[in-house]
Amino acid sequence: MSLCGGSANLELKGGDEVVAPCGSVGITALKGMVLIQYVAADSSTAITSLGEGNSLVFEPTTFNFTAPPTNPEPVVIVVQDKEYSIIPGESFMVVKIDIKPGSFPNCFNLNQKGVIPVAILGSSILNTEAIDVSSLSLQGVKFKLVGKKSPQYLAHYEDIDGDSDLDLVIQFEDSDGYVK
């Protein structure tokens, strides 16, 4: 196990436990299966079992996981009872969203009239201003663009959930482009 950006390396035996109160943690399973629980800076948790030869790098300040391209197989992470697979060479980060912020229940009807607002909730570990809006998608539904000469995404920043962190609110076209 490599801790604190490589400043400490540990070899563990079955049943050993380690708490790493510093930056990134890189873990490689040398033999057998290794069960690991990760705790982020905001107390979010994740669990994974690394198989022999697989590695995973965890950044607790961003709750980001990276599977090195040398991994022989994808790594499965469980966050809030949901499984996510990270293929070798890819990174993964769980973010919270709110569809139709301010409404409950958060339902909508794709009837080709208007827009569907979606908020990506910022936090102490997610700076929404660093998100490339053009890289986002919502199950095949297109972004709403405004302006004819130089179209812009219909998006803005505001604190939707009252936590003092800026949230990114994006408007998607209400269309029949939804892909199940």
Protein backbone atom coordinates (compact mmCIF):
# COMPACT_ATOMS: atom_id res chain seq x y z
CA MET A 1 0.00 0.00 0.00
CA SER A 2 1.33 3.43 -0.93
CA LEU A 3 0.16 6.30 1.30
CA CYS A 4 0.34 10.07 1.30
CA GLY A 5 1.31 10.47 -2.34
CA GLY A 6 4.01 7.79 -2.09
CA SER A 7 5.73 9.10 1.02
CA ALA A 8 4.92 5.88 2.91
CA ASN A 9 4.66 2.29 1.74
CA LEU A 10 3.18 -0.52 3.85
CA GLU A 11 2.86 -4.25 3.43
CA LEU A 12 -0.11 -5.72 5.27
CA LYS A 13 -1.11 -9.23 6.34
CA GLY A 14 -4.64 -10.63 6.63
CA GLY A 15 -6.64 -8.85 9.34
CA ASP A 16 -4.38 -5.77 9.43
CA GLU A 17 -6.10 -2.37 9.46
CA VAL A 18 -4.64 1.00 8.54
CA VAL A 19 -6.03 4.53 8.87
CA ALA A 20 -4.34 6.95 6.47
CA PRO A 21 -4.93 10.55 7.65
CA CYS A 22 -3.27 12.11 4.61
CA GLY A 23 -3.70 12.56 0.85
CA SER A 24 -3.99 9.90 -1.82
CA VAL A 25 -3.88 6.19 -1.10
CA GLY A 26 -2.77 3.63 -3.68
CA ILE A 27 -3.47 -0.04 -3.03
CA THR A 28 -2.35 -3.08 -5.03
CA ALA A 29 -3.49 -6.62 -4.22
CA LEU A 30 -0.36 -8.78 -4.41
CA LYS A 31 -2.03 -12.08 -3.46
CA GLY A 32 -5.62 -13.20 -3.11
CA MET A 33 -8.49 -10.79 -2.53
CA VAL A 34 -8.23 -7.58 -0.47
CA LEU A 35 -11.35 -5.94 1.06
CA ILE A 36 -10.96 -2.17 1.43
CA GLN A 37 -13.17 0.54 2.93
CA TYR A 38 -12.49 4.13 1.84
CA VAL A 39 -13.60 7.22 3.76
CA ALA A 40 -13.56 10.62 2.03
CA ALA A 41 -12.90 14.00 3.60
CA ASP A 42 -16.67 14.61 3.79
CA SER A 43 -17.23 11.18 5.49
CA SER A 44 -18.62 9.53 2.33
CA THR A 45 -17.66 5.85 2.20
CA ALA A 46 -16.99 3.24 -0.46
CA ILE A 47 -16.02 -0.43 -0.37
CA THR A 48 -14.17 -2.55 -2.88
CA SER A 49 -12.55 -5.96 -3.14
CA LEU A 50 -9.35 -5.87 -5.14
CA GLY A 51 -8.35 -9.07 -6.87
CA GLU A 52 -4.74 -10.16 -7.23
CA GLY A 53 -2.78 -7.81 -9.49
CA ASN A 54 -5.37 -5.02 -9.43
CA SER A 55 -4.62 -1.56 -8.06
CA LEU A 56 -6.73 1.43 -7.12
CA VAL A 57 -5.77 5.01 -6.23
CA PHE A 58 -8.13 6.93 -3.94
CA GLU A 59 -8.20 10.71 -3.43
CA PRO A 60 -10.10 11.39 -0.17
CA THR A 61 -10.48 15.14 -0.78
CA THR A 62 -12.34 14.59 -4.07
CA PHE A 63 -13.77 11.08 -3.51
CA ASN A 64 -12.12 10.15 -6.80
CA PHE A 65 -10.95 6.64 -7.71
CA THR A 66 -8.50 5.75 -10.48
CA ALA A 67 -7.80 2.27 -11.84
CA PRO A 68 -4.32 2.22 -13.42
CA PRO A 69 -4.15 1.07 -17.06
CA THR A 70 -2.02 -1.89 -15.91
CA ASN A 71 -4.96 -3.49 -14.06
CA PRO A 72 -5.84 -6.91 -15.49
CA GLU A 73 -9.59 -6.35 -14.94
CA PRO A 74 -12.15 -3.67 -13.96
CA VAL A 75 -12.52 -2.79 -10.28
CA VAL A 76 -16.01 -2.71 -8.75
CA ILE A 77 -16.68 -0.07 -6.08
CA VAL A 78 -19.80 0.00 -3.91
CA VAL A 79 -21.07 3.45 -2.87
CA GLN A 80 -24.37 3.73 -0.98
CA ASP A 81 -25.34 0.16 -1.98
CA LYS A 82 -24.77 0.85 -5.70
CA GLU A 83 -22.04 -0.86 -7.69
CA TYR A 84 -19.84 1.04 -10.13
CA SER A 85 -17.23 -0.55 -12.38
CA ILE A 86 -13.98 1.27 -13.18
CA ILE A 87 -12.20 -0.08 -16.22
CA PRO A 88 -8.38 -0.01 -16.33
CA GLY A 89 -7.07 3.46 -17.16
CA GLU A 90 -10.26 5.25 -16.07
CA SER A 91 -11.26 7.43 -13.11
CA PHE A 92 -14.55 7.57 -11.28
CA MET A 93 -16.19 10.15 -9.02
CA VAL A 94 -19.69 10.07 -7.54
CA VAL A 95 -21.53 13.39 -7.76
CA LYS A 96 -24.95 14.35 -6.47
CA ILE A 97 -27.56 15.77 -8.82
CA ASP A 98 -31.05 17.15 -8.39
CA ILE A 99 -33.47 16.89 -11.32
CA LYS A 100 -35.94 19.75 -11.26
CA PRO A 101 -34.35 21.37 -8.19
CA GLY A 102 -36.82 22.71 -5.66
CA SER A 103 -39.57 20.29 -6.66
CA PHE A 104 -40.67 17.09 -5.01
CA PRO A 105 -41.13 14.55 -6.36
CA ASN A 106 -38.52 15.15 -9.05
CA CYS A 107 -40.60 13.87 -11.93
CA PHE A 108 -40.85 15.19 -15.47
CA ASN A 109 -42.65 14.31 -18.66
CA LEU A 110 -40.77 14.28 -21.95
CA ASN A 111 -43.35 16.01 -24.11
CA GLN A 112 -41.09 18.22 -26.24
CA LYS A 113 -42.19 21.37 -24.41
CA GLY A 114 -39.68 23.44 -22.44
CA VAL A 115 -36.58 22.35 -20.55
CA ILE A 116 -35.52 19.95 -17.80
CA PRO A 117 -33.34 21.67 -15.19
CA VAL A 118 -30.64 19.50 -13.60
CA ALA A 119 -28.38 20.71 -10.80
CA ILE A 120 -24.97 19.19 -10.17
CA LEU A 121 -24.50 19.82 -6.47
CA GLY A 122 -21.18 21.32 -5.51
CA SER A 123 -19.51 20.49 -2.22
CA SER A 124 -16.27 20.82 -0.35
CA ILE A 125 -14.94 18.06 -2.61
CA LEU A 126 -16.56 19.16 -5.91
CA ASN A 127 -15.93 22.56 -7.47
CA THR A 128 -18.67 22.78 -10.10
CA GLU A 129 -16.91 25.71 -11.79
CA ALA A 130 -14.21 23.24 -12.89
CA ILE A 131 -16.74 21.11 -14.82
CA ASP A 132 -16.59 21.28 -18.61
CA VAL A 133 -20.29 21.72 -19.38
CA SER A 134 -19.82 20.45 -22.95
CA SER A 135 -18.67 17.08 -21.55
CA LEU A 136 -21.97 16.37 -19.76
CA SER A 137 -24.88 14.28 -20.98
CA LEU A 138 -28.21 13.10 -19.61
CA GLN A 139 -29.23 9.78 -21.18
CA GLY A 140 -29.21 11.12 -24.73
CA VAL A 141 -31.18 14.30 -23.97
CA LYS A 142 -29.57 17.37 -25.59
CA PHE A 143 -28.48 20.57 -23.84
CA LYS A 144 -30.59 23.61 -24.44
CA LEU A 145 -28.62 26.15 -26.46
CA VAL A 146 -29.52 29.82 -26.71
CA GLY A 147 -28.41 32.36 -29.31
CA LYS A 148 -28.11 31.96 -33.06
CA LYS A 149 -24.79 33.54 -33.97
CA SER A 150 -22.72 31.90 -31.20
CA PRO A 151 -24.96 29.50 -29.27
CA GLN A 152 -24.30 29.11 -25.54
CA TYR A 153 -25.33 26.35 -23.16
CA LEU A 154 -28.28 27.35 -21.00
CA ALA A 155 -26.51 26.88 -17.65
CA HIS A 156 -25.71 28.95 -14.57
CA TYR A 157 -24.27 28.69 -11.05
CA GLU A 158 -26.22 29.13 -7.84
CA ASP A 159 -26.48 27.58 -4.39
CA ILE A 160 -29.50 25.30 -4.88
CA ASP A 161 -29.18 23.26 -1.67
CA GLY A 162 -28.23 26.05 0.77
CA ASP A 163 -24.80 24.66 1.71
CA SER A 164 -22.83 27.75 0.50
CA ASP A 165 -21.24 25.74 -2.34
CA LEU A 166 -21.99 26.74 -5.93
CA ASP A 167 -24.12 24.25 -7.83
CA LEU A 168 -24.19 24.00 -11.62
CA VAL A 169 -27.72 24.18 -13.04
CA ILE A 170 -28.03 22.98 -16.65
CA GLN A 171 -31.12 23.11 -18.80
CA PHE A 172 -31.71 20.12 -21.06
CA GLU A 173 -34.12 20.15 -23.99
CA ASP A 174 -37.43 18.46 -23.25
CA SER A 175 -37.37 16.08 -26.20
CA ASP A 176 -37.99 12.54 -27.23
CA GLY A 177 -34.22 11.93 -27.37
CA TYR A 178 -34.27 9.96 -24.12
CA VAL A 179 -32.43 6.64 -24.33
CA LYS A 180 -33.29 3.95 -21.79
